[in-house]
């Protein structure tokens, strides 16, 4: 919120503090493919495998194991991996594994499936209500 400079002066030091306080930057809301992936997901093949996607942070967990955290980037394809907010592919990057690329096969709201480009296997998840 930005106050009128005249009001800032009229309120003295309190007005000056209010006018000069930095406002927190809002992160843009996810759009396109990234928006479709947001939420908490449970593996169709193994109910102990969960994944949560919040903005560009992906937390993958398996019952009894330490969760892993990756950074999500939506890309045009897995060959060039050029960022594209509406792209049909995405990468997950973390320190332990590096960059993995996936092709999104389905994102219907309550269901997502994608294929790991390096092996071709399909992973499928259903949405867990928040």
C-alpha atoms as a PDB file:
ATOM      1  CA  UNK A   1       0.000   0.000   0.000  1.00  0.00           C
ATOM      2  CA  UNK A   2       1.372   3.413  -0.918  1.00  0.00           C
ATOM      3  CA  UNK A   3       0.243   6.458   1.031  1.00  0.00           C
ATOM      4  CA  UNK A   4      -0.159   9.918  -0.407  1.00  0.00           C
ATOM      5  CA  UNK A   5       3.071  11.910   0.269  1.00  0.00           C
ATOM      6  CA  UNK A   6       1.045  14.791   1.766  1.00  0.00           C
ATOM      7  CA  UNK A   7      -0.499  12.403   4.291  1.00  0.00           C
ATOM      8  CA  UNK A   8       2.928  11.063   5.138  1.00  0.00           C
ATOM      9  CA  UNK A   9       4.145  14.547   6.018  1.00  0.00           C
ATOM     10  CA  UNK A  10       0.951  15.395   7.899  1.00  0.00           C
ATOM     11  CA  UNK A  11       1.393  12.455  10.251  1.00  0.00           C
ATOM     12  CA  UNK A  12       5.007  13.273  11.071  1.00  0.00           C
ATOM     13  CA  UNK A  13       7.362  10.463  12.051  1.00  0.00           C
ATOM     14  CA  UNK A  14       4.612   7.835  12.138  1.00  0.00           C
ATOM     15  CA  UNK A  15       3.580   8.812   8.610  1.00  0.00           C
ATOM     16  CA  UNK A  16       7.200   8.782   7.468  1.00  0.00           C
ATOM     17  CA  UNK A  17       7.653   5.254   8.837  1.00  0.00           C
ATOM     18  CA  UNK A  18       4.466   4.059   7.165  1.00  0.00           C
ATOM     19  CA  UNK A  19       5.432   5.647   3.851  1.00  0.00           C
ATOM     20  CA  UNK A  20       8.959   4.279   3.842  1.00  0.00           C
ATOM     21  CA  UNK A  21       8.225   0.742   5.060  1.00  0.00           C
ATOM     22  CA  UNK A  22       9.075  -1.757   2.354  1.00  0.00           C
ATOM     23  CA  UNK A  23       6.101  -3.786   1.260  1.00  0.00           C
ATOM     24  CA  UNK A  24       6.593  -7.534   0.922  1.00  0.00           C
ATOM     25  CA  UNK A  25       6.693  -8.674  -2.679  1.00  0.00           C
ATOM     26  CA  UNK A  26       3.880 -11.025  -3.572  1.00  0.00           C
ATOM     27  CA  UNK A  27       4.936 -14.086  -5.494  1.00  0.00           C
ATOM     28  CA  UNK A  28       2.920 -14.503  -8.662  1.00  0.00           C
ATOM     29  CA  UNK A  29       0.208 -17.144  -8.600  1.00  0.00           C
ATOM     30  CA  UNK A  30       1.033 -20.301 -10.537  1.00  0.00           C
ATOM     31  CA  UNK A  31      -0.447 -20.416 -14.033  1.00  0.00           C
ATOM     32  CA  UNK A  32      -0.851 -23.007 -16.767  1.00  0.00           C
ATOM     33  CA  UNK A  33       0.825 -26.351 -16.200  1.00  0.00           C
ATOM     34  CA  UNK A  34       2.276 -25.298 -12.850  1.00  0.00           C
ATOM     35  CA  UNK A  35      -1.205 -24.401 -11.553  1.00  0.00           C
ATOM     36  CA  UNK A  36      -2.561 -27.816 -12.593  1.00  0.00           C
ATOM     37  CA  UNK A  37       0.135 -29.561 -10.536  1.00  0.00           C
ATOM     38  CA  UNK A  38      -0.419 -27.632  -7.284  1.00  0.00           C
ATOM     39  CA  UNK A  39      -1.613 -29.613  -4.266  1.00  0.00           C
ATOM     40  CA  UNK A  40      -1.011 -32.819  -2.359  1.00  0.00           C
ATOM     41  CA  UNK A  41      -0.948 -36.105  -4.261  1.00  0.00           C
ATOM     42  CA  UNK A  42      -0.943 -39.830  -3.384  1.00  0.00           C
ATOM     43  CA  UNK A  43       0.556 -42.450  -5.687  1.00  0.00           C
ATOM     44  CA  UNK A  44      -1.957 -44.699  -7.425  1.00  0.00           C
ATOM     45  CA  UNK A  45       0.510 -47.602  -7.219  1.00  0.00           C
ATOM     46  CA  UNK A  46       1.679 -47.197  -3.603  1.00  0.00           C
ATOM     47  CA  UNK A  47      -0.437 -45.328  -1.031  1.00  0.00           C
ATOM     48  CA  UNK A  48       2.681 -44.776   1.129  1.00  0.00           C
ATOM     49  CA  UNK A  49       4.151 -42.493  -1.559  1.00  0.00           C
ATOM     50  CA  UNK A  50       3.040 -38.845  -1.358  1.00  0.00           C
ATOM     51  CA  UNK A  51       3.974 -35.639  -3.158  1.00  0.00           C
ATOM     52  CA  UNK A  52       3.136 -32.020  -2.328  1.00  0.00           C
ATOM     53  CA  UNK A  53       3.613 -29.214  -4.845  1.00  0.00           C
ATOM     54  CA  UNK A  54       3.484 -25.628  -3.570  1.00  0.00           C
ATOM     55  CA  UNK A  55       4.533 -23.022  -6.112  1.00  0.00           C
ATOM     56  CA  UNK A  56       7.856 -24.410  -7.399  1.00  0.00           C
ATOM     57  CA  UNK A  57       8.694 -26.537  -4.344  1.00  0.00           C
ATOM     58  CA  UNK A  58       8.023 -30.269  -4.584  1.00  0.00           C
ATOM     59  CA  UNK A  59       8.225 -32.412  -1.469  1.00  0.00           C
ATOM     60  CA  UNK A  60       8.203 -36.156  -2.120  1.00  0.00           C
ATOM     61  CA  UNK A  61       7.753 -38.467   0.839  1.00  0.00           C
ATOM     62  CA  UNK A  62       7.514 -42.164   1.481  1.00  0.00           C
ATOM     63  CA  UNK A  63       6.201 -43.512   4.773  1.00  0.00           C
ATOM     64  CA  UNK A  64       9.101 -43.971   7.177  1.00  0.00           C
ATOM     65  CA  UNK A  65      11.690 -42.156   5.052  1.00  0.00           C
ATOM     66  CA  UNK A  66      13.072 -38.615   5.086  1.00  0.00           C
ATOM     67  CA  UNK A  67      11.203 -36.410   2.553  1.00  0.00           C
ATOM     68  CA  UNK A  68      13.098 -35.096  -0.446  1.00  0.00           C
ATOM     69  CA  UNK A  69      12.650 -31.553  -1.722  1.00  0.00           C
ATOM     70  CA  UNK A  70      13.023 -30.543  -5.376  1.00  0.00           C
ATOM     71  CA  UNK A  71      12.519 -27.430  -7.455  1.00  0.00           C
ATOM     72  CA  UNK A  72       9.890 -27.605 -10.200  1.00  0.00           C
ATOM     73  CA  UNK A  73      10.401 -25.930 -13.586  1.00  0.00           C
ATOM     74  CA  UNK A  74       7.830 -26.212 -16.394  1.00  0.00           C
ATOM     75  CA  UNK A  75       9.608 -26.732 -19.724  1.00  0.00           C
ATOM     76  CA  UNK A  76       8.689 -26.979 -23.413  1.00  0.00           C
ATOM     77  CA  UNK A  77      10.158 -30.484 -23.706  1.00  0.00           C
ATOM     78  CA  UNK A  78      12.669 -32.803 -22.070  1.00  0.00           C
ATOM     79  CA  UNK A  79      15.241 -32.491 -24.868  1.00  0.00           C
ATOM     80  CA  UNK A  80      15.951 -28.759 -24.622  1.00  0.00           C
ATOM     81  CA  UNK A  81      14.368 -28.122 -21.191  1.00  0.00           C
ATOM     82  CA  UNK A  82      13.650 -24.487 -22.114  1.00  0.00           C
ATOM     83  CA  UNK A  83      11.338 -22.909 -19.492  1.00  0.00           C
ATOM     84  CA  UNK A  84       7.755 -22.531 -20.760  1.00  0.00           C
ATOM     85  CA  UNK A  85       4.895 -21.869 -18.264  1.00  0.00           C
ATOM     86  CA  UNK A  86       2.404 -23.714 -20.500  1.00  0.00           C
ATOM     87  CA  UNK A  87       4.803 -26.488 -21.502  1.00  0.00           C
ATOM     88  CA  UNK A  88       3.829 -30.159 -21.445  1.00  0.00           C
ATOM     89  CA  UNK A  89       6.941 -31.231 -19.515  1.00  0.00           C
ATOM     90  CA  UNK A  90       8.600 -30.376 -16.223  1.00  0.00           C
ATOM     91  CA  UNK A  91      11.889 -30.862 -14.448  1.00  0.00           C
ATOM     92  CA  UNK A  92      12.556 -31.629 -10.813  1.00  0.00           C
ATOM     93  CA  UNK A  93      15.960 -30.571  -9.542  1.00  0.00           C
ATOM     94  CA  UNK A  94      17.586 -31.398  -6.229  1.00  0.00           C
ATOM     95  CA  UNK A  95      21.114 -31.713  -4.884  1.00  0.00           C
ATOM     96  CA  UNK A  96      21.011 -35.486  -4.370  1.00  0.00           C
ATOM     97  CA  UNK A  97      19.730 -36.570  -7.801  1.00  0.00           C
ATOM     98  CA  UNK A  98      20.272 -33.554 -10.044  1.00  0.00           C
ATOM     99  CA  UNK A  99      17.766 -32.743 -12.812  1.00  0.00           C
ATOM    100  CA  UNK A 100      15.073 -35.230 -13.821  1.00  0.00           C
ATOM    101  CA  UNK A 101      12.656 -34.460 -16.657  1.00  0.00           C
ATOM    102  CA  UNK A 102       9.077 -35.710 -17.000  1.00  0.00           C
ATOM    103  CA  UNK A 103       6.419 -35.456 -19.707  1.00  0.00           C
ATOM    104  CA  UNK A 104       2.979 -34.630 -18.328  1.00  0.00           C
ATOM    105  CA  UNK A 105       0.449 -37.121 -19.699  1.00  0.00           C
ATOM    106  CA  UNK A 106      -2.690 -36.103 -17.804  1.00  0.00           C
ATOM    107  CA  UNK A 107      -3.691 -33.353 -15.386  1.00  0.00           C
ATOM    108  CA  UNK A 108      -7.459 -33.436 -14.876  1.00  0.00           C
ATOM    109  CA  UNK A 109      -7.746 -31.740 -11.501  1.00  0.00           C
ATOM    110  CA  UNK A 110      -7.962 -34.813  -9.267  1.00  0.00           C
ATOM    111  CA  UNK A 111      -5.519 -36.966 -11.218  1.00  0.00           C
ATOM    112  CA  UNK A 112      -2.061 -36.457 -12.699  1.00  0.00           C
ATOM    113  CA  UNK A 113       0.184 -38.836 -14.571  1.00  0.00           C
ATOM    114  CA  UNK A 114       3.583 -38.271 -16.079  1.00  0.00           C
ATOM    115  CA  UNK A 115       6.375 -40.236 -17.667  1.00  0.00           C
ATOM    116  CA  UNK A 116      10.009 -40.121 -16.596  1.00  0.00           C
ATOM    117  CA  UNK A 117      11.905 -39.262 -19.795  1.00  0.00           C
ATOM    118  CA  UNK A 118      15.033 -41.278 -18.883  1.00  0.00           C
ATOM    119  CA  UNK A 119      13.169 -44.571 -18.359  1.00  0.00           C
ATOM    120  CA  UNK A 120       9.710 -44.098 -19.857  1.00  0.00           C
ATOM    121  CA  UNK A 121       7.831 -45.404 -16.819  1.00  0.00           C
ATOM    122  CA  UNK A 122       4.540 -43.718 -15.932  1.00  0.00           C
ATOM    123  CA  UNK A 123       3.797 -42.356 -12.469  1.00  0.00           C
ATOM    124  CA  UNK A 124       0.201 -41.585 -11.504  1.00  0.00           C
ATOM    125  CA  UNK A 125      -1.230 -39.715  -8.523  1.00  0.00           C
ATOM    126  CA  UNK A 126      -4.651 -38.780  -7.183  1.00  0.00           C
ATOM    127  CA  UNK A 127      -5.314 -35.523  -5.339  1.00  0.00           C
ATOM    128  CA  UNK A 128      -5.542 -35.613  -1.552  1.00  0.00           C
ATOM    129  CA  UNK A 129      -8.047 -33.040  -0.241  1.00  0.00           C
ATOM    130  CA  UNK A 130      -6.378 -30.194   1.674  1.00  0.00           C
END
